[in-house]
């Protein structure tokens, strides 16, 4: 959507902060031995305690509050009886609704001790997100955001998932414009002041190719190498982009060696 009033901005920001705090609440419990359904239940309880409702639960039939994707799972993993193990990485994607507006954010967490190659993937994926956010200025184009992600991560030999993209957000969870993580500078739709978008690099250690699991939701890498996913909500502005969600709550919770 394109925001035109302070009330719209504040409603979107409230949702963005709720999902940011939910990720931080879940982060307290991410450790070897925890079941993904346990994390999902914690998130739902917290979201409801904030006067919001889960944005993903029931969306097109999705059964969980969170998308919880482990290791080679890129996105849309369904919470369940899976137990996290030392050395795993887990992407937690969270959405909520309050006052008729959506919030959406994601962070990929290391579980216990994770090898340096995979930690580098996480750190560089997160860095590509911030490089992309810097391009969210009125007058630039979607391709400028996309190129910022692609150029950076491919310089390390990583690959960009093609089938999944960032998106506009507002009164619907997924709105126009689509925000791919690959593209050419100066290409695509022109960015307009006030446009609210979710930028979310999904970056693979190996091949860019992905497949859908038999559950009809989970997307994983075809070579089963790890993937990383980070997402923030941003308002396009004429000068500095206005970032609504934040990783600061998560990083207040994480021990220094786990901060990406």
Protein backbone atom coordinates (compact mmCIF):
# COMPACT_ATOMS: atom_id res chain seq x y z
CA UNK A 1 0.00 0.00 0.00
CA UNK A 2 0.92 3.65 -0.21
CA UNK A 3 0.53 5.38 3.14
CA UNK A 4 -0.92 8.89 3.09
CA UNK A 5 -1.65 9.57 6.77
CA UNK A 6 0.23 9.41 10.06
CA UNK A 7 -2.49 7.08 11.38
CA UNK A 8 -1.68 4.52 8.69
CA UNK A 9 2.01 4.74 9.43
CA UNK A 10 1.45 4.30 13.16
CA UNK A 11 -0.82 1.29 12.66
CA UNK A 12 1.72 -0.38 10.39
CA UNK A 13 4.54 0.45 12.78
CA UNK A 14 2.64 -1.04 15.71
CA UNK A 15 2.28 -4.32 13.83
CA UNK A 16 5.92 -4.22 12.75
CA UNK A 17 7.03 -3.81 16.35
CA UNK A 18 4.77 -6.65 17.51
CA UNK A 19 6.34 -9.10 15.05
CA UNK A 20 9.80 -7.80 15.94
CA UNK A 21 9.13 -8.43 19.64
CA UNK A 22 7.60 -11.82 18.87
CA UNK A 23 10.81 -12.92 17.17
CA UNK A 24 12.71 -11.80 20.26
CA UNK A 25 10.36 -13.74 22.54
CA UNK A 26 10.84 -16.87 20.44
CA UNK A 27 14.62 -16.31 20.40
CA UNK A 28 14.72 -16.89 24.17
CA UNK A 29 13.77 -20.54 23.61
CA UNK A 30 15.77 -21.47 20.51
CA UNK A 31 18.21 -24.14 21.62
CA UNK A 32 18.98 -27.79 20.92
CA UNK A 33 16.12 -30.02 22.07
CA UNK A 34 13.22 -27.62 21.54
CA UNK A 35 10.35 -28.63 19.26
CA UNK A 36 9.29 -26.24 16.54
CA UNK A 37 5.65 -26.47 17.69
CA UNK A 38 6.77 -25.18 21.09
CA UNK A 39 8.18 -22.06 19.45
CA UNK A 40 4.95 -21.66 17.49
CA UNK A 41 2.83 -21.81 20.63
CA UNK A 42 5.05 -19.22 22.35
CA UNK A 43 4.65 -16.89 19.38
CA UNK A 44 0.87 -17.21 19.23
CA UNK A 45 0.48 -16.53 22.94
CA UNK A 46 2.73 -13.46 22.72
CA UNK A 47 1.00 -12.02 19.64
CA UNK A 48 -2.41 -12.38 21.27
CA UNK A 49 -1.11 -10.80 24.48
CA UNK A 50 -0.29 -7.73 22.38
CA UNK A 51 -3.90 -7.45 21.20
CA UNK A 52 -3.09 -8.76 17.73
CA UNK A 53 -3.86 -12.05 15.98
CA UNK A 54 -1.45 -14.29 14.06
CA UNK A 55 -1.21 -13.15 10.45
CA UNK A 56 -0.16 -16.48 8.96
CA UNK A 57 -2.45 -18.89 10.80
CA UNK A 58 -5.20 -19.88 8.39
CA UNK A 59 -3.73 -17.77 5.58
CA UNK A 60 -4.47 -19.84 2.47
CA UNK A 61 -4.81 -22.76 4.86
CA UNK A 62 -1.41 -22.47 6.55
CA UNK A 63 -1.68 -24.22 9.94
CA UNK A 64 0.92 -22.35 12.02
CA UNK A 65 1.50 -18.96 13.60
CA UNK A 66 5.11 -19.03 12.41
CA UNK A 67 6.85 -20.33 9.33
CA UNK A 68 9.74 -22.32 10.82
CA UNK A 69 12.28 -23.48 8.24
CA UNK A 70 15.33 -25.50 9.27
CA UNK A 71 18.65 -25.85 7.42
CA UNK A 72 17.89 -26.56 3.74
CA UNK A 73 14.31 -25.35 4.17
CA UNK A 74 14.12 -21.88 2.66
CA UNK A 75 10.67 -20.73 3.80
CA UNK A 76 7.14 -21.85 4.73
CA UNK A 77 8.16 -24.68 7.05
CA UNK A 78 5.25 -25.95 9.14
CA UNK A 79 5.75 -26.07 12.93
CA UNK A 80 5.48 -29.57 14.38
CA UNK A 81 7.27 -32.26 16.35
CA UNK A 82 10.67 -31.63 14.77
CA UNK A 83 13.36 -31.14 17.42
CA UNK A 84 16.09 -28.58 16.77
CA UNK A 85 19.63 -29.93 16.98
CA UNK A 86 23.02 -28.40 17.70
CA UNK A 87 24.41 -26.98 14.46
CA UNK A 88 21.02 -26.30 12.85
CA UNK A 89 19.98 -22.92 11.52
CA UNK A 90 16.31 -21.98 11.70
CA UNK A 91 14.46 -19.24 9.84
CA UNK A 92 11.53 -17.86 11.83
CA UNK A 93 9.04 -15.83 9.77
CA UNK A 94 6.29 -14.09 11.74
CA UNK A 95 3.17 -12.17 10.79
CA UNK A 96 0.39 -10.48 12.73
CA UNK A 97 -2.72 -8.36 12.22
CA UNK A 98 -3.97 -5.50 14.37
CA UNK A 99 -6.33 -2.64 13.47
CA UNK A 100 -6.73 -4.22 10.02
CA UNK A 101 -3.05 -3.92 9.07
CA UNK A 102 -0.33 -6.56 8.79
CA UNK A 103 3.16 -6.92 10.21
CA UNK A 104 5.78 -9.30 8.76
CA UNK A 105 9.42 -9.99 9.67
CA UNK A 106 11.92 -12.86 9.62
CA UNK A 107 15.28 -13.74 11.16
CA UNK A 108 17.51 -16.80 10.77
CA UNK A 109 18.96 -18.11 14.04
CA UNK A 110 21.91 -20.42 14.72
CA UNK A 111 21.10 -23.29 17.07
CA UNK A 112 23.99 -24.04 19.40
CA UNK A 113 27.36 -24.23 17.63
CA UNK A 114 27.11 -23.59 13.88
CA UNK A 115 30.06 -23.95 11.51
CA UNK A 116 31.69 -20.78 10.23
CA UNK A 117 30.72 -21.33 6.59
CA UNK A 118 27.04 -21.29 7.52
CA UNK A 119 27.41 -18.39 9.97
CA UNK A 120 29.00 -16.40 7.14
CA UNK A 121 25.98 -17.17 4.95
CA UNK A 122 23.65 -15.84 7.63
CA UNK A 123 25.68 -12.70 8.26
CA UNK A 124 26.04 -11.87 4.57
CA UNK A 125 22.37 -12.49 3.87
CA UNK A 126 21.48 -10.06 6.65
CA UNK A 127 23.98 -7.53 5.28
CA UNK A 128 22.41 -7.84 1.82
CA UNK A 129 19.07 -6.88 3.37
CA UNK A 130 20.45 -3.63 4.75
CA UNK A 131 22.12 -2.84 1.43
CA UNK A 132 18.79 -3.38 -0.28
CA UNK A 133 16.93 -1.20 2.23
CA UNK A 134 19.26 1.70 1.41
CA UNK A 135 17.85 1.58 -2.14
CA UNK A 136 14.22 2.02 -1.02
CA UNK A 137 14.03 5.65 -2.07
CA UNK A 138 11.38 7.38 -4.13
CA UNK A 139 12.46 7.68 -7.76
CA UNK A 140 14.60 4.56 -7.71
CA UNK A 141 13.28 1.31 -9.15
CA UNK A 142 12.54 -2.14 -7.81
CA UNK A 143 15.54 -3.44 -9.76
CA UNK A 144 17.85 -1.23 -7.70
CA UNK A 145 16.75 -3.06 -4.55
CA UNK A 146 17.00 -6.43 -6.28
CA UNK A 147 20.45 -5.74 -7.70
CA UNK A 148 21.79 -4.65 -4.31
CA UNK A 149 20.99 -8.09 -2.88
CA UNK A 150 22.18 -10.08 -5.87
CA UNK A 151 25.45 -8.26 -6.44
CA UNK A 152 26.50 -8.61 -2.82
CA UNK A 153 25.63 -12.25 -2.16
CA UNK A 154 26.82 -13.57 -5.51
CA UNK A 155 30.24 -12.00 -4.84
CA UNK A 156 30.62 -14.73 -2.19
CA UNK A 157 29.44 -17.52 -4.48
CA UNK A 158 25.95 -17.78 -2.95
CA UNK A 159 22.81 -18.06 -5.02
CA UNK A 160 19.53 -16.14 -4.98
CA UNK A 161 16.20 -17.96 -4.89
CA UNK A 162 14.18 -16.91 -7.94
CA UNK A 163 10.74 -18.29 -7.20
CA UNK A 164 10.17 -16.35 -3.97
CA UNK A 165 10.16 -12.58 -3.57
CA UNK A 166 9.54 -9.74 -1.17
CA UNK A 167 6.28 -7.85 -1.46
CA UNK A 168 4.15 -4.87 -0.64
CA UNK A 169 2.19 -5.00 2.61
CA UNK A 170 -0.65 -3.12 4.27
CA UNK A 171 -4.25 -4.23 4.64
CA UNK A 172 -3.23 -7.42 2.84
CA UNK A 173 -0.25 -9.58 3.71
CA UNK A 174 0.98 -9.68 0.12
CA UNK A 175 0.43 -6.63 -2.05
CA UNK A 176 2.14 -5.12 -5.07
CA UNK A 177 4.91 -4.49 -5.88
CA UNK A 178 6.83 -7.75 -5.87
CA UNK A 179 10.42 -7.26 -4.71
CA UNK A 180 12.72 -9.92 -6.23
CA UNK A 181 16.20 -10.46 -4.82
CA UNK A 182 17.78 -10.47 -8.27
CA UNK A 183 17.58 -7.99 -11.13
CA UNK A 184 19.16 -5.12 -13.01
CA UNK A 185 19.80 -1.59 -11.81
CA UNK A 186 17.25 0.85 -13.17
CA UNK A 187 14.74 -1.85 -14.11
CA UNK A 188 11.26 -2.58 -12.81
CA UNK A 189 8.56 -0.37 -11.34
CA UNK A 190 9.49 3.08 -10.09
CA UNK A 191 9.36 3.39 -6.31
CA UNK A 192 6.83 5.91 -4.99
CA UNK A 193 7.04 7.87 -1.74
CA UNK A 194 4.95 6.15 0.93
CA UNK A 195 5.00 2.66 -0.58
CA UNK A 196 5.25 0.00 2.14
CA UNK A 197 7.33 -3.06 1.24
CA UNK A 198 8.85 -6.13 2.83
CA UNK A 199 12.38 -6.79 1.62
CA UNK A 200 13.43 -10.38 2.32
CA UNK A 201 16.57 -11.92 0.84
CA UNK A 202 16.39 -15.73 0.60
CA UNK A 203 19.93 -16.86 -0.12
CA UNK A 204 21.32 -20.36 -0.59
CA UNK A 205 24.79 -21.69 0.16
CA UNK A 206 24.58 -23.92 -2.93
CA UNK A 207 22.27 -23.99 -5.93
CA UNK A 208 19.50 -21.46 -6.46
CA UNK A 209 17.10 -24.27 -7.34
CA UNK A 210 14.32 -25.11 -4.88
CA UNK A 211 11.58 -27.72 -4.60
CA UNK A 212 8.31 -27.91 -2.67
CA UNK A 213 7.91 -30.63 -0.07
CA UNK A 214 4.99 -33.05 -0.08
CA UNK A 215 3.28 -31.03 2.69
CA UNK A 216 2.39 -28.47 0.02
CA UNK A 217 4.12 -25.63 1.87
CA UNK A 218 7.77 -26.14 2.77
CA UNK A 219 10.25 -24.90 0.15
CA UNK A 220 13.75 -26.39 0.36
CA UNK A 221 16.95 -26.23 -1.64
CA UNK A 222 17.21 -28.98 -4.25
CA UNK A 223 20.79 -29.81 -3.20
CA UNK A 224 19.84 -29.76 0.51
CA UNK A 225 22.48 -27.18 1.36
CA UNK A 226 21.52 -24.51 3.93
CA UNK A 227 19.54 -21.37 3.18
CA UNK A 228 19.19 -18.06 5.05
CA UNK A 229 16.27 -15.61 5.21
CA UNK A 230 15.95 -12.16 6.78
CA UNK A 231 13.05 -9.71 6.37
CA UNK A 232 12.16 -6.18 7.42
CA UNK A 233 9.27 -3.83 6.57
CA UNK A 234 10.17 -0.48 5.05
CA UNK A 235 8.38 2.64 3.81
CA UNK A 236 9.89 4.12 0.66
CA UNK A 237 10.76 7.77 1.26
CA UNK A 238 12.30 10.58 -0.80
CA UNK A 239 15.38 10.64 1.41
CA UNK A 240 16.13 7.92 3.97
CA UNK A 241 13.84 4.87 3.90
CA UNK A 242 11.65 4.52 6.99
CA UNK A 243 12.30 1.10 8.53
CA UNK A 244 9.30 -0.06 10.58
CA UNK A 245 10.41 -3.43 11.95
CA UNK A 246 13.69 -4.04 13.72
CA UNK A 247 16.12 -6.76 14.77
CA UNK A 248 17.14 -4.81 17.87
CA UNK A 249 14.77 -6.74 20.19
CA UNK A 250 16.12 -10.06 18.91
CA UNK A 251 19.69 -8.97 19.37
CA UNK A 252 19.04 -7.81 22.92
CA UNK A 253 18.06 -11.41 23.69
CA UNK A 254 20.82 -13.26 21.83
CA UNK A 255 24.21 -13.94 23.40
CA UNK A 256 26.95 -11.99 21.57
CA UNK A 257 28.26 -15.08 19.76
CA UNK A 258 24.80 -15.78 18.31
CA UNK A 259 24.16 -12.31 16.92
CA UNK A 260 24.32 -12.44 13.16
